[in-house]
Amino acid sequence: MTEPEIDYTAVFRALPGAVALLTPQLVYLDANEAFLRELGRTREQVIGRHLFDNVPDADAAIVRQVQASLHRVAETGESNTMPLERHGERYWSMTNIPILASDQRVALLLHRVEEATELIRAREVALSLQEAMLPAARPICRHPAAVRYRPAVGALHVCGDWYDLVDLPGSRIAVAVGDVVGHGLAAAGVMGQLRSALSAVSRVADGPARALEVLGLYARSVEGAENTTVATTSIDWDTRTITYSSAGHPPPALRRTDGAVDFLDQATDPPLAARPEHGSRIQATVPFTDGDVLVLYTDGLIERRGEDLDTGLTRLADSLSHHRSSDPETLADAILADLLPPDGITDDTALVIVRL
């Protein structure tokens, strides 16, 4: 069978995304119809001209960033996706890709531009919804607590991370964190439903395991709630104990007054609605002393691409041992400074710290 002859020039020009081909000196060799429409110029006005000809002075900062990215790609031969750029009321995502010659030199640069305005607006709405549904930080049962929520940097969608702190009868409180699978408004909506449900059931359930059993049953009726992970604890100051249960979530950490860190990992079951049949869950209880610190978090705090989970847990334990402050606010800031990359995180992060 004879393979059809492909007109790659026609394919390039018909691409729906805005794409231009440049020399390593940033001179236009070609641009497809979508790119020309966004630029507001004809092919004759573009081909053979420098990428930054006739760019308004107001865009000087963006020009420097795009130029630096393209030069880096030309020098290294590695693709580079730039942070989102705002131009007026619109947001743009730009990716620069090297095209190599037979001798592996960078012969051409492919400059792709995509508008992300609607995605950014959806993200802002989802963040506002998420913030509105998460409780404000406050002392609970007269014991200091700190909460932090950090959305992923550069991501176009927020995730479904949440936390909750609930006063219970007597000298008890419930503290929980959870993470819904998925992104955007849908995940934020599911997060709100599950957080509210767990908050309510924690007030009447006989312990964390029973609370997660009821929540898991409810999750089976909520679209998008399957495989949500949750860790919930019940802290009792009368008995000086923490009872906990986890639905597939990273284990809470208990830092002792001597700096030792224990991970509460003896009561872990599968995520919500992950089993074929609904079933009971397990819980465990550990003692604490005055001055201990309980830390709950979502996986964005510890997980990094290409790393084993134990590496992230060790990093958290080292940070908790190093920072011996018992003030939850001070400790929360120190942990985030230690564990979150300086260039931002790729997953949302929730953190709750309670001084016991």
Protein backbone atom coordinates (compact mmCIF):
# COMPACT_ATOMS: atom_id res chain seq x y z
CA MET A 1 0.00 0.00 0.00
CA THR A 2 1.39 3.37 -1.03
CA GLU A 3 1.58 5.84 1.82
CA PRO A 4 -0.17 9.15 1.09
CA GLU A 5 2.06 12.15 0.55
CA ILE A 6 1.59 14.61 3.41
CA ASP A 7 1.70 18.35 2.83
CA TYR A 8 3.20 19.38 6.17
CA THR A 9 2.95 23.07 5.33
CA ALA A 10 -0.79 22.72 4.86
CA VAL A 11 -1.07 20.75 8.09
CA PHE A 12 0.91 23.41 9.98
CA ARG A 13 -1.23 26.25 8.69
CA ALA A 14 -4.46 24.41 9.49
CA LEU A 15 -3.57 23.75 13.13
CA PRO A 16 -6.27 25.19 15.43
CA GLY A 17 -3.72 26.47 17.95
CA ALA A 18 -1.65 29.60 17.35
CA VAL A 19 1.82 28.45 16.23
CA ALA A 20 4.79 30.19 14.62
CA LEU A 21 8.12 28.86 13.31
CA LEU A 22 11.18 30.97 14.12
CA THR A 23 14.88 30.88 13.40
CA PRO A 24 17.21 30.73 16.42
CA GLN A 25 17.63 34.48 15.82
CA LEU A 26 13.84 34.87 16.42
CA VAL A 27 12.93 35.72 12.81
CA TYR A 28 9.57 34.47 11.52
CA LEU A 29 9.80 31.69 8.94
CA ASP A 30 6.10 30.79 9.02
CA ALA A 31 2.96 31.31 11.09
CA ASN A 32 -0.35 29.51 10.86
CA GLU A 33 -3.73 31.16 10.42
CA ALA A 34 -4.62 31.03 14.11
CA PHE A 35 -1.39 32.82 15.04
CA LEU A 36 -1.89 35.52 12.43
CA ARG A 37 -5.45 36.12 13.66
CA GLU A 38 -4.27 36.61 17.22
CA LEU A 39 -1.46 38.87 16.05
CA GLY A 40 -3.81 40.89 13.83
CA ARG A 41 -1.41 40.85 10.88
CA THR A 42 -1.12 39.30 7.46
CA ARG A 43 1.48 36.74 6.46
CA GLU A 44 3.26 39.35 4.38
CA GLN A 45 3.56 41.63 7.43
CA VAL A 46 5.13 38.88 9.53
CA ILE A 47 7.33 36.49 7.52
CA GLY A 48 10.97 37.57 7.53
CA ARG A 49 10.46 40.02 10.39
CA HIS A 50 11.84 39.74 13.91
CA LEU A 51 9.41 38.34 16.50
CA PHE A 52 9.42 41.59 18.46
CA ASP A 53 9.12 44.10 15.63
CA ASN A 54 6.51 46.77 16.39
CA VAL A 55 5.79 45.57 19.94
CA PRO A 56 4.40 48.37 22.18
CA ASP A 57 6.66 49.59 25.00
CA ALA A 58 3.98 48.57 27.52
CA ASP A 59 4.75 44.95 26.74
CA ALA A 60 8.48 45.25 27.45
CA ALA A 61 8.38 42.94 30.48
CA ILE A 62 6.61 40.18 28.54
CA VAL A 63 9.04 40.63 25.64
CA ARG A 64 12.01 40.07 27.96
CA GLN A 65 10.47 36.89 29.38
CA VAL A 66 9.55 35.43 25.98
CA GLN A 67 12.95 36.33 24.59
CA ALA A 68 14.75 34.72 27.53
CA SER A 69 12.68 31.54 27.12
CA LEU A 70 13.36 31.28 23.39
CA HIS A 71 17.08 31.90 23.81
CA ARG A 72 17.20 29.24 26.53
CA VAL A 73 15.51 26.72 24.22
CA ALA A 74 17.90 27.60 21.38
CA GLU A 75 20.91 27.12 23.66
CA THR A 76 19.83 23.97 25.52
CA GLY A 77 17.68 22.18 22.97
CA GLU A 78 15.04 21.64 25.65
CA SER A 79 11.39 22.75 25.55
CA ASN A 80 10.20 25.47 27.90
CA THR A 81 6.66 26.24 29.04
CA MET A 82 6.40 29.77 30.37
CA PRO A 83 4.31 30.89 33.36
CA LEU A 84 0.94 32.30 32.40
CA GLU A 85 1.16 35.86 31.11
CA ARG A 86 -1.51 38.54 31.43
CA HIS A 87 -2.00 41.03 28.62
CA GLY A 88 -4.81 43.46 29.37
CA GLU A 89 -7.81 41.37 30.39
CA ARG A 90 -6.58 38.21 28.69
CA TYR A 91 -4.25 35.44 29.87
CA TRP A 92 -1.86 33.53 27.63
CA SER A 93 0.08 30.28 27.90
CA MET A 94 3.25 30.07 25.78
CA THR A 95 5.39 27.04 25.01
CA ASN A 96 8.66 27.11 23.09
CA ILE A 97 9.88 23.88 21.48
CA PRO A 98 13.19 23.16 19.66
CA ILE A 99 13.21 21.48 16.25
CA LEU A 100 16.52 19.70 15.73
CA ALA A 101 18.49 19.25 12.52
CA SER A 102 20.12 15.92 11.61
CA ASP A 103 23.27 16.96 13.49
CA GLN A 104 21.17 17.65 16.61
CA ARG A 105 21.61 21.41 16.37
CA VAL A 106 18.56 23.55 17.04
CA ALA A 107 17.46 24.50 13.54
CA LEU A 108 14.05 26.01 14.30
CA LEU A 109 11.98 27.17 17.23
CA LEU A 110 8.28 26.38 17.44
CA HIS A 111 6.49 29.14 19.38
CA ARG A 112 2.99 28.11 20.52
CA VAL A 113 0.53 30.54 22.09
CA GLU A 114 -2.79 29.53 23.70
CA GLU A 115 -5.34 31.77 25.37
CA ALA A 116 -6.18 30.68 28.92
CA THR A 117 -8.54 33.48 29.96
CA GLU A 118 -11.63 31.33 30.49
CA LEU A 119 -9.67 28.72 32.42
CA ILE A 120 -8.19 31.40 34.68
CA ARG A 121 -11.63 32.86 35.35
CA ALA A 122 -12.98 29.41 36.18
CA ARG A 123 -10.04 28.90 38.53
CA GLU A 124 -10.74 32.20 40.29
CA VAL A 125 -14.39 31.24 40.76
CA ALA A 126 -13.43 27.81 42.08
CA LEU A 127 -10.89 29.33 44.49
CA SER A 128 -13.49 31.78 45.78
CA LEU A 129 -15.96 28.93 46.26
CA GLN A 130 -13.33 26.82 47.97
CA GLU A 131 -12.30 29.61 50.35
CA ALA A 132 -15.92 30.34 51.20
CA MET A 133 -16.51 26.71 52.19
CA LEU A 134 -13.37 26.30 54.32
CA PRO A 135 -13.57 27.37 57.97
CA ALA A 136 -11.52 30.30 59.26
CA ALA A 137 -8.68 29.67 61.69
CA ARG A 138 -9.72 29.93 65.35
CA PRO A 139 -8.77 28.41 68.71
CA ILE A 140 -10.82 25.29 69.33
CA CYS A 141 -11.69 24.06 72.79
CA ARG A 142 -9.28 26.78 74.06
CA HIS A 143 -6.35 25.12 72.31
CA PRO A 144 -4.36 27.07 69.67
CA ALA A 145 -4.62 25.87 66.07
CA ALA A 146 -3.32 27.06 62.70
CA VAL A 147 -4.61 26.31 59.22
CA ARG A 148 -3.04 26.95 55.83
CA TYR A 149 -4.31 26.44 52.30
CA ARG A 150 -2.01 26.93 49.30
CA PRO A 151 -3.32 26.48 45.74
CA ALA A 152 -0.98 25.07 43.13
CA VAL A 153 1.09 27.72 41.37
CA GLY A 154 0.58 28.01 37.63
CA ALA A 155 -2.15 25.36 37.49
CA LEU A 156 -5.32 26.26 35.64
CA HIS A 157 -7.58 24.36 38.02
CA VAL A 158 -7.86 24.22 41.77
CA CYS A 159 -8.18 20.88 43.44
CA GLY A 160 -10.56 19.52 46.06
CA ASP A 161 -8.42 19.73 49.21
CA TRP A 162 -10.15 20.65 52.47
CA TYR A 163 -9.74 20.78 56.24
CA ASP A 164 -12.14 21.04 59.17
CA LEU A 165 -12.05 21.58 62.94
CA VAL A 166 -15.13 20.71 64.98
CA ASP A 167 -15.91 21.23 68.68
CA LEU A 168 -17.35 18.06 70.22
CA PRO A 169 -19.12 17.48 73.54
CA GLY A 170 -16.84 17.56 76.56
CA SER A 171 -13.17 18.38 76.13
CA ARG A 172 -12.99 16.89 72.65
CA ILE A 173 -12.50 18.15 69.11
CA ALA A 174 -12.46 16.54 65.67
CA VAL A 175 -9.82 17.54 63.14
CA ALA A 176 -9.92 16.30 59.55
CA VAL A 177 -8.34 16.84 56.15
CA GLY A 178 -9.44 15.45 52.79
CA ASP A 179 -8.60 15.46 49.10
CA VAL A 180 -11.13 14.98 46.31
CA VAL A 181 -9.95 13.46 43.04
CA GLY A 182 -10.41 15.95 40.20
CA HIS A 183 -10.09 19.67 39.58
CA GLY A 184 -12.03 22.87 39.15
CA LEU A 185 -15.56 23.79 40.11
CA ALA A 186 -16.74 20.18 40.12
CA ALA A 187 -14.06 19.13 42.64
CA ALA A 188 -14.70 22.22 44.77
CA GLY A 189 -18.42 21.37 44.84
CA VAL A 190 -17.77 17.77 45.87
CA MET A 191 -15.31 18.99 48.49
CA GLY A 192 -17.99 21.24 50.00
CA GLN A 193 -20.50 18.40 50.21
CA LEU A 194 -18.08 15.94 51.80
CA ARG A 195 -16.64 18.47 54.26
CA SER A 196 -20.10 19.49 55.42
CA ALA A 197 -21.22 15.87 55.72
CA LEU A 198 -18.16 14.85 57.74
CA SER A 199 -18.51 17.92 59.95
CA ALA A 200 -22.10 16.94 60.76
CA VAL A 201 -21.54 13.22 61.26
CA SER A 202 -18.45 13.80 63.45
CA ARG A 203 -20.70 15.45 66.01
CA VAL A 204 -22.81 12.34 66.53
CA ALA A 205 -20.70 9.37 65.38
CA ASP A 206 -19.09 7.04 67.89
CA GLY A 207 -15.52 7.73 66.84
CA PRO A 208 -13.60 8.54 63.61
CA ALA A 209 -14.03 5.07 62.06
CA ARG A 210 -17.79 5.27 62.32
CA ALA A 211 -17.73 8.83 60.94
CA LEU A 212 -15.80 7.63 57.87
CA GLU A 213 -18.16 4.68 57.43
CA VAL A 214 -21.12 7.05 57.20
CA LEU A 215 -19.19 9.48 54.98
CA GLY A 216 -18.20 6.62 52.68
CA LEU A 217 -21.81 5.56 52.35
CA TYR A 218 -22.78 9.13 51.48
CA ALA A 219 -19.90 9.40 49.00
CA ARG A 220 -21.42 6.58 46.96
CA SER A 221 -24.34 8.88 46.15
CA VAL A 222 -22.21 11.91 45.18
CA GLU A 223 -20.86 11.97 41.63
CA GLY A 224 -17.12 12.61 41.68
CA ALA A 225 -16.67 11.65 45.34
CA GLU A 226 -15.26 8.18 44.70
CA ASN A 227 -11.62 7.66 45.70
CA THR A 228 -11.58 10.75 47.91
CA THR A 229 -8.99 10.39 50.68
CA VAL A 230 -9.69 11.57 54.23
CA ALA A 231 -7.89 11.48 57.58
CA THR A 232 -9.94 12.33 60.66
CA THR A 233 -9.01 12.48 64.33
CA SER A 234 -10.79 12.87 67.64
CA ILE A 235 -8.71 14.58 70.34
CA ASP A 236 -9.81 14.02 73.95
CA TRP A 237 -8.15 16.19 76.60
CA ASP A 238 -9.84 14.32 79.46
CA THR A 239 -8.17 11.03 78.53
CA ARG A 240 -5.16 12.63 76.77
CA THR A 241 -5.70 10.45 73.69
CA ILE A 242 -6.04 10.85 69.93
CA THR A 243 -8.30 8.40 68.12
CA TYR A 244 -7.85 8.40 64.36
CA SER A 245 -8.92 6.73 61.13
CA SER A 246 -7.78 7.20 57.55
CA ALA A 247 -9.43 6.53 54.22
CA GLY A 248 -6.35 6.19 52.03
CA HIS A 249 -4.88 9.52 53.20
CA PRO A 250 -1.27 10.31 54.20
CA PRO A 251 -0.87 9.71 57.96
CA PRO A 252 -1.20 12.55 60.50
CA ALA A 253 2.02 13.38 62.33
CA LEU A 254 2.35 13.69 66.11
CA ARG A 255 5.41 15.61 67.28
CA ARG A 256 6.31 14.86 70.87
CA THR A 257 7.75 17.44 73.26
CA ASP A 258 11.19 15.83 72.91
CA GLY A 259 11.13 16.36 69.12
CA ALA A 260 10.35 12.76 68.15
CA VAL A 261 7.75 12.39 65.38
CA ASP A 262 5.23 9.55 65.19
CA PHE A 263 3.13 9.00 62.08
CA LEU A 264 -0.37 7.80 62.90
CA ASP A 265 -0.48 5.00 60.33
CA GLN A 266 -2.08 2.09 62.18
CA ALA A 267 -5.66 2.65 60.98
CA THR A 268 -5.63 3.09 57.20
CA ASP A 269 -8.32 1.75 54.88
CA PRO A 270 -9.03 2.36 51.15
CA PRO A 271 -10.36 5.76 49.98
CA LEU A 272 -14.06 6.58 50.09
CA ALA A 273 -16.31 4.51 47.81
CA ALA A 274 -13.26 2.63 46.46
CA ARG A 275 -14.39 -0.81 47.64
CA PRO A 276 -16.88 -2.78 45.57
CA GLU A 277 -19.07 -3.09 48.66
CA HIS A 278 -19.54 -0.70 51.55
CA GLY A 279 -17.88 -1.93 54.74
CA SER A 280 -16.71 -1.04 58.22
CA ARG A 281 -13.49 0.87 58.93
CA ILE A 282 -10.80 0.64 61.55
CA GLN A 283 -9.46 3.18 64.05
CA ALA A 284 -6.57 3.39 66.49
CA THR A 285 -5.79 5.39 69.62
CA VAL A 286 -2.52 6.92 70.85
CA PRO A 287 -1.75 8.90 74.02
CA PHE A 288 -0.39 12.43 74.04
CA THR A 289 1.08 14.79 76.61
CA ASP A 290 0.70 18.55 77.05
CA GLY A 291 2.86 20.37 74.51
CA ASP A 292 2.70 17.71 71.80
CA VAL A 293 1.68 18.95 68.33
CA LEU A 294 -0.70 17.23 65.91
CA VAL A 295 -0.24 17.88 62.17
CA LEU A 296 -2.71 16.93 59.42
CA TYR A 297 -2.06 17.75 55.77
CA THR A 298 -2.86 16.84 52.17
CA ASP A 299 -0.45 15.17 49.76
CA GLY A 300 0.65 18.42 48.11
CA LEU A 301 2.81 19.06 51.17
CA ILE A 302 4.89 15.91 50.87
CA GLU A 303 4.54 14.35 47.40
CA ARG A 304 6.91 15.28 44.59
CA ARG A 305 7.01 13.81 41.10
CA GLY A 306 9.55 11.01 40.82
CA GLU A 307 9.95 10.66 44.60
CA ASP A 308 8.92 7.85 46.90
CA LEU A 309 6.26 8.85 49.46
CA ASP A 310 8.61 7.92 52.31
CA THR A 311 11.01 10.64 51.16
CA GLY A 312 8.34 13.27 51.63
CA LEU A 313 7.33 11.88 55.03
CA THR A 314 10.95 11.95 56.16
CA ARG A 315 11.23 15.55 55.00
CA LEU A 316 8.16 16.46 57.06
CA ALA A 317 9.46 14.62 60.14
CA ASP A 318 12.84 16.37 59.87
CA SER A 319 11.15 19.77 59.61
CA LEU A 320 8.94 19.10 62.63
CA SER A 321 11.92 17.91 64.70
CA HIS A 322 14.02 20.90 63.66
CA HIS A 323 11.40 23.54 64.42
CA ARG A 324 10.63 23.03 68.10
CA SER A 325 8.17 25.90 68.42
CA SER A 326 4.85 24.92 70.00
CA ASP A 327 3.08 27.93 68.48
CA PRO A 328 0.96 26.52 65.63
CA GLU A 329 1.15 29.72 63.53
CA THR A 330 4.94 29.87 63.71
CA LEU A 331 5.28 26.15 63.07
CA ALA A 332 2.89 26.22 60.07
CA ASP A 333 4.92 28.96 58.36
CA ALA A 334 8.18 27.13 59.05
CA ILE A 335 6.90 23.83 57.64
CA LEU A 336 5.61 25.46 54.46
CA ALA A 337 8.92 27.28 54.02
CA ASP A 338 10.83 23.99 54.41
CA LEU A 339 8.64 21.72 52.31
CA LEU A 340 7.14 23.80 49.50
CA PRO A 341 9.45 24.40 46.50
CA PRO A 342 10.48 28.06 45.99
CA ASP A 343 9.05 28.03 42.45
CA GLY A 344 5.64 26.84 43.69
CA ILE A 345 3.77 23.56 44.03
CA THR A 346 2.00 21.51 41.40
CA ASP A 347 -0.74 20.31 43.74
CA ASP A 348 -2.91 22.14 46.24
CA THR A 349 -1.86 21.87 49.88
CA ALA A 350 -3.93 22.02 53.08
CA LEU A 351 -2.26 22.02 56.51
CA VAL A 352 -3.73 21.95 60.04
CA ILE A 353 -1.66 22.16 63.23
CA VAL A 354 -3.09 21.81 66.75
CA ARG A 355 -1.13 22.29 69.98
CA LEU A 356 -2.19 19.62 72.43
